[in-house]
Amino acid sequence: MARRTGRRYHRSIRARLPLGVVILLAIVLAAWRVYQEQDAAITPAPLAEGVYRVDRVIDGDTLVVDEGARVRLIGSDTPETVKPNWPVERWGPEATAFTKEFVSGGEVRLEFDGDRQDNYGRTLAYVWVDHRMLNEELIRAGLARARTGFNYSRAMKTRFRRAEDEAQAARRGIWSDSKGTTP
């Protein structure tokens, strides 16, 4: 009799094992589907070139426009102010204040060139108010560095380098000390 009990026990584990695996797979698949639906819900549709209302300024080189789309300035890199686990960098608050003042009218025009998104899912754009480009004006004011190692037009890279040269020569903002560093 002991032998029969052992076989029954052995058979019942075999019978339950596939059912347990099936249930586990169903749970994993259901969780994956919910994750994908949430991810799709928070990923905004690509922006078209045009005029947008500014919802808020995150920092000197990033803002949020209509319906929560994050926009990162092409070719312009301001000192950090809100990066997690990172200190506020010198000239960062001034760059943020400059951007807030620049877009204070509430509307900007976005133009695109090269890559449309960065590694963080932000839309890459030139941000215009009337006939002035925020990307270039931040660099000219010495509140941003020109970043020319990315995929955008050669003409704009040249324009940004000239603005940076002007800021350096005038020793504005980040270029006001001898090394142009932000501790």
Protein backbone atom coordinates (compact mmCIF):
# COMPACT_ATOMS: atom_id res chain seq x y z
CA MET A 1 0.00 0.00 0.00
CA ALA A 2 2.76 2.41 0.73
CA ARG A 3 3.90 1.99 -2.83
CA ARG A 4 0.53 2.92 -4.27
CA THR A 5 0.31 6.07 -2.11
CA GLY A 6 3.71 7.11 -3.36
CA ARG A 7 2.64 6.66 -6.96
CA ARG A 8 -0.54 8.61 -6.46
CA TYR A 9 1.40 11.43 -4.85
CA HIS A 10 3.91 11.36 -7.68
CA ARG A 11 1.15 11.45 -10.31
CA SER A 12 -0.66 14.31 -8.58
CA ILE A 13 2.46 16.50 -8.66
CA ARG A 14 2.92 15.77 -12.36
CA ALA A 15 -0.70 16.63 -13.00
CA ARG A 16 -0.49 19.88 -11.03
CA LEU A 17 2.85 21.04 -12.39
CA PRO A 18 1.63 21.85 -15.90
CA LEU A 19 -1.45 23.61 -14.51
CA GLY A 20 0.77 25.72 -12.22
CA VAL A 21 3.04 26.63 -15.11
CA VAL A 22 0.05 27.60 -17.24
CA ILE A 23 -1.35 29.80 -14.46
CA LEU A 24 2.04 31.44 -13.93
CA LEU A 25 2.41 32.14 -17.65
CA ALA A 26 -1.10 33.60 -17.78
CA ILE A 27 -0.27 35.95 -14.89
CA VAL A 28 3.01 37.03 -16.51
CA LEU A 29 1.32 37.66 -19.87
CA ALA A 30 -1.49 39.64 -18.24
CA ALA A 31 1.04 41.80 -16.35
CA TRP A 32 3.03 42.36 -19.57
CA ARG A 33 -0.10 43.46 -21.41
CA VAL A 34 -1.01 45.96 -18.67
CA TYR A 35 2.55 47.31 -18.76
CA GLN A 36 2.42 47.80 -22.55
CA GLU A 37 -0.95 49.56 -22.36
CA GLN A 38 0.34 51.94 -19.67
CA ASP A 39 3.51 52.63 -21.66
CA ALA A 40 1.47 53.40 -24.77
CA ALA A 41 -0.81 55.70 -22.79
CA ILE A 42 2.05 57.87 -21.47
CA THR A 43 3.99 58.07 -24.74
CA PRO A 44 2.78 61.24 -26.45
CA ALA A 45 2.15 61.33 -30.19
CA PRO A 46 5.00 62.88 -32.21
CA LEU A 47 4.75 66.64 -32.50
CA ALA A 48 4.45 68.38 -35.85
CA GLU A 49 6.25 71.62 -36.65
CA GLY A 50 4.16 74.54 -35.55
CA VAL A 51 3.07 76.77 -32.70
CA TYR A 52 2.54 75.33 -29.22
CA ARG A 53 1.53 76.66 -25.82
CA VAL A 54 4.23 76.32 -23.16
CA ASP A 55 2.88 74.52 -20.08
CA ARG A 56 6.06 74.88 -18.02
CA VAL A 57 9.83 75.17 -18.10
CA ILE A 58 11.68 72.23 -16.54
CA ASP A 59 15.16 73.75 -16.78
CA GLY A 60 17.18 75.88 -19.17
CA ASP A 61 17.12 73.45 -22.08
CA THR A 62 13.89 71.49 -21.51
CA LEU A 63 10.26 72.58 -21.50
CA VAL A 64 6.80 71.04 -21.62
CA VAL A 65 4.34 72.09 -24.31
CA ASP A 66 0.70 71.26 -25.10
CA GLU A 67 -0.57 67.98 -23.69
CA GLY A 68 2.60 67.20 -21.74
CA ALA A 69 5.10 66.77 -24.58
CA ARG A 70 8.66 67.33 -23.34
CA VAL A 71 10.86 69.34 -25.67
CA ARG A 72 14.67 69.34 -25.45
CA LEU A 73 16.60 72.07 -27.26
CA ILE A 74 18.76 70.83 -30.13
CA GLY A 75 22.46 71.69 -29.81
CA SER A 76 22.16 73.70 -26.60
CA ASP A 77 23.20 72.27 -23.22
CA THR A 78 22.55 74.28 -20.06
CA PRO A 79 23.96 73.50 -16.61
CA GLU A 80 21.84 71.03 -14.60
CA THR A 81 19.25 72.14 -12.06
CA VAL A 82 16.80 69.22 -11.72
CA LYS A 83 18.81 66.10 -12.59
CA PRO A 84 18.14 63.41 -9.94
CA ASN A 85 21.06 62.74 -7.57
CA TRP A 86 23.02 65.61 -9.10
CA PRO A 87 23.85 68.98 -7.55
CA VAL A 88 22.49 72.20 -9.01
CA GLU A 89 25.27 73.43 -11.28
CA ARG A 90 26.60 76.95 -11.44
CA TRP A 91 24.67 79.12 -13.93
CA GLY A 92 21.84 76.53 -14.08
CA PRO A 93 19.29 78.67 -12.21
CA GLU A 94 20.16 81.64 -14.43
CA ALA A 95 19.67 79.52 -17.57
CA THR A 96 16.27 78.35 -16.29
CA ALA A 97 15.25 81.94 -15.50
CA PHE A 98 16.39 83.04 -18.98
CA THR A 99 14.27 80.34 -20.61
CA LYS A 100 11.23 81.21 -18.50
CA GLU A 101 11.55 84.87 -19.46
CA PHE A 102 12.16 84.02 -23.14
CA VAL A 103 8.96 81.92 -23.41
CA SER A 104 6.90 84.09 -21.05
CA GLY A 105 4.51 85.02 -23.85
CA GLY A 106 3.21 81.47 -23.62
CA GLU A 107 3.62 80.37 -27.23
CA VAL A 108 6.61 79.02 -29.12
CA ARG A 109 7.18 77.71 -32.62
CA LEU A 110 8.95 74.36 -32.92
CA GLU A 111 11.16 73.33 -35.83
CA PHE A 112 12.86 69.97 -36.23
CA ASP A 113 16.18 68.93 -37.72
CA GLY A 114 17.93 65.55 -37.64
CA ASP A 115 16.88 63.16 -34.89
CA ARG A 116 13.35 63.77 -33.57
CA GLN A 117 13.84 62.24 -30.10
CA ASP A 118 16.65 61.87 -27.61
CA ASN A 119 17.45 58.80 -25.47
CA TYR A 120 14.91 59.95 -22.86
CA GLY A 121 11.98 60.20 -25.31
CA ARG A 122 11.99 64.00 -25.40
CA THR A 123 11.24 65.78 -28.68
CA LEU A 124 14.33 67.53 -30.07
CA ALA A 125 13.57 70.95 -31.52
CA TYR A 126 14.62 74.49 -32.25
CA VAL A 127 12.37 76.72 -30.14
CA TRP A 128 11.44 80.06 -31.67
CA VAL A 129 9.69 83.09 -30.23
CA ASP A 130 9.02 85.56 -33.03
CA HIS A 131 12.32 85.71 -34.96
CA ARG A 132 14.60 84.68 -32.09
CA MET A 133 15.74 81.12 -31.40
CA LEU A 134 15.99 80.11 -27.73
CA ASN A 135 18.69 77.50 -28.43
CA GLU A 136 21.01 80.13 -29.92
CA GLU A 137 20.17 82.91 -27.46
CA LEU A 138 21.04 80.72 -24.46
CA ILE A 139 24.44 79.96 -26.01
CA ARG A 140 25.03 83.64 -26.91
CA ALA A 141 24.17 84.69 -23.34
CA GLY A 142 26.78 82.26 -21.99
CA LEU A 143 24.14 80.14 -20.27
CA ALA A 144 24.59 77.06 -22.46
CA ARG A 145 27.28 75.25 -24.38
CA ALA A 146 26.97 74.44 -28.06
CA ARG A 147 26.70 70.67 -28.53
CA THR A 148 27.65 69.91 -32.11
CA GLY A 149 28.31 66.17 -31.86
CA PHE A 150 24.70 65.26 -32.58
CA ASN A 151 22.71 64.73 -35.78
CA TYR A 152 21.48 68.14 -36.97
CA SER A 153 22.37 70.53 -39.78
CA ARG A 154 25.88 71.79 -40.37
CA ALA A 155 24.53 75.34 -40.83
CA MET A 156 22.99 75.32 -37.33
CA LYS A 157 26.16 73.85 -35.83
CA THR A 158 28.12 76.73 -37.36
CA ARG A 159 25.55 79.23 -36.06
CA PHE A 160 25.78 77.78 -32.54
CA ARG A 161 29.61 77.73 -32.58
CA ARG A 162 29.62 81.43 -33.56
CA ALA A 163 27.25 82.27 -30.70
CA GLU A 164 29.48 80.32 -28.30
CA ASP A 165 32.60 82.08 -29.59
CA GLU A 166 30.85 85.42 -29.02
CA ALA A 167 29.92 84.45 -25.43
CA GLN A 168 33.45 83.23 -24.70
CA ALA A 169 35.05 86.39 -26.11
CA ALA A 170 32.72 88.56 -24.01
CA ARG A 171 33.26 86.27 -20.97
CA ARG A 172 29.51 85.87 -20.39
CA GLY A 173 27.93 83.41 -17.95
CA ILE A 174 29.71 80.05 -17.86
CA TRP A 175 32.62 81.65 -19.71
CA SER A 176 33.09 84.37 -17.06
CA ASP A 177 35.79 82.34 -15.30
CA SER A 178 38.99 81.30 -17.02
CA LYS A 179 38.02 77.64 -17.55
CA GLY A 180 34.35 77.88 -18.46
CA THR A 181 33.55 75.21 -15.89
CA THR A 182 30.51 74.62 -13.75
CA PRO A 183 31.52 73.08 -10.42
